[in-house]
Amino acid sequence: MGVLAVVVNVGNLLASVVYSLVGLAVFVAGLFVFRLIMPFDVHKEIEVDQNTALGIVMGSFIIGLAIIVAAAISG
């Protein structure tokens, strides 16, 4: 084996794929819940009304949820 050889463990690869899929599922579920608890249509507020404050809040929620999911995956 040379210096640039890559060793891929199938178990680790499968675990990474499963954790990624579970993380994405949790992320999508979180966004769905976010849209459900808002008393208005999020899509209309951001797209049509150009509500910058809602965009910032939604972006903050996405970043916070991504940090939580990443911490849960990495252990």
Protein backbone atom coordinates (compact mmCIF):
# COMPACT_ATOMS: atom_id res chain seq x y z
CA MET A 1 0.00 0.00 0.00
CA GLY A 2 1.25 3.42 -0.89
CA VAL A 3 1.00 6.69 0.92
CA LEU A 4 -2.11 7.73 -1.03
CA ALA A 5 -3.98 4.45 -0.55
CA VAL A 6 -7.47 4.79 0.88
CA VAL A 7 -8.83 2.10 3.13
CA VAL A 8 -12.62 2.01 3.23
CA ASN A 9 -14.29 0.03 5.95
CA VAL A 10 -17.72 -1.05 4.74
CA GLY A 11 -19.17 -0.92 8.26
CA ASN A 12 -18.05 2.66 8.78
CA LEU A 13 -19.34 3.66 5.36
CA LEU A 14 -22.74 2.10 6.08
CA ALA A 15 -22.89 3.78 9.49
CA SER A 16 -22.11 7.16 7.89
CA VAL A 17 -24.88 6.72 5.34
CA VAL A 18 -27.41 5.68 8.01
CA TYR A 19 -26.47 8.58 10.30
CA SER A 20 -26.71 11.00 7.37
CA LEU A 21 -30.18 9.75 6.44
CA VAL A 22 -31.39 9.89 10.05
CA GLY A 23 -29.93 13.40 10.41
CA LEU A 24 -31.67 14.57 7.26
CA ALA A 25 -34.96 13.04 8.43
CA VAL A 26 -34.70 14.85 11.77
CA PHE A 27 -33.80 18.07 9.97
CA VAL A 28 -36.79 17.84 7.61
CA ALA A 29 -39.09 16.97 10.51
CA GLY A 30 -37.81 20.01 12.41
CA LEU A 31 -38.51 22.30 9.47
CA PHE A 32 -41.98 20.78 9.12
CA VAL A 33 -42.71 21.42 12.80
CA PHE A 34 -41.35 24.97 12.44
CA ARG A 35 -43.79 25.64 9.61
CA LEU A 36 -46.66 24.09 11.59
CA ILE A 37 -46.17 26.19 14.73
CA MET A 38 -45.97 29.50 12.88
CA PRO A 39 -49.35 31.27 12.88
CA PHE A 40 -48.85 32.39 9.25
CA ASP A 41 -47.69 30.99 5.91
CA VAL A 42 -43.89 31.01 6.05
CA HIS A 43 -43.51 30.66 2.27
CA LYS A 44 -45.76 33.67 1.59
CA GLU A 45 -44.04 35.81 4.21
CA ILE A 46 -40.55 35.15 2.84
CA GLU A 47 -41.24 34.96 -0.90
CA VAL A 48 -44.07 37.44 -1.46
CA ASP A 49 -43.82 39.88 1.43
CA GLN A 50 -39.97 39.82 1.56
CA ASN A 51 -40.01 39.47 5.36
CA THR A 52 -36.30 39.70 6.21
CA ALA A 53 -36.83 39.20 9.94
CA LEU A 54 -38.57 35.87 9.34
CA GLY A 55 -35.74 34.83 7.03
CA ILE A 56 -33.22 35.55 9.78
CA VAL A 57 -35.28 33.62 12.35
CA MET A 58 -35.69 30.65 10.01
CA GLY A 59 -31.98 30.70 9.15
CA SER A 60 -31.11 30.75 12.84
CA PHE A 61 -33.44 27.83 13.44
CA ILE A 62 -31.82 25.88 10.60
CA ILE A 63 -28.30 26.53 11.91
CA GLY A 64 -29.29 25.62 15.47
CA LEU A 65 -30.98 22.41 14.35
CA ALA A 66 -27.99 21.50 12.19
CA ILE A 67 -25.63 21.96 15.17
CA ILE A 68 -27.83 19.72 17.32
CA VAL A 69 -28.05 17.01 14.65
CA ALA A 70 -24.28 17.15 14.03
CA ALA A 71 -23.55 16.85 17.75
CA ALA A 72 -25.92 13.89 18.07
CA ILE A 73 -24.32 12.13 15.10
CA SER A 74 -20.72 12.71 16.20
CA GLY A 75 -21.47 11.50 19.71
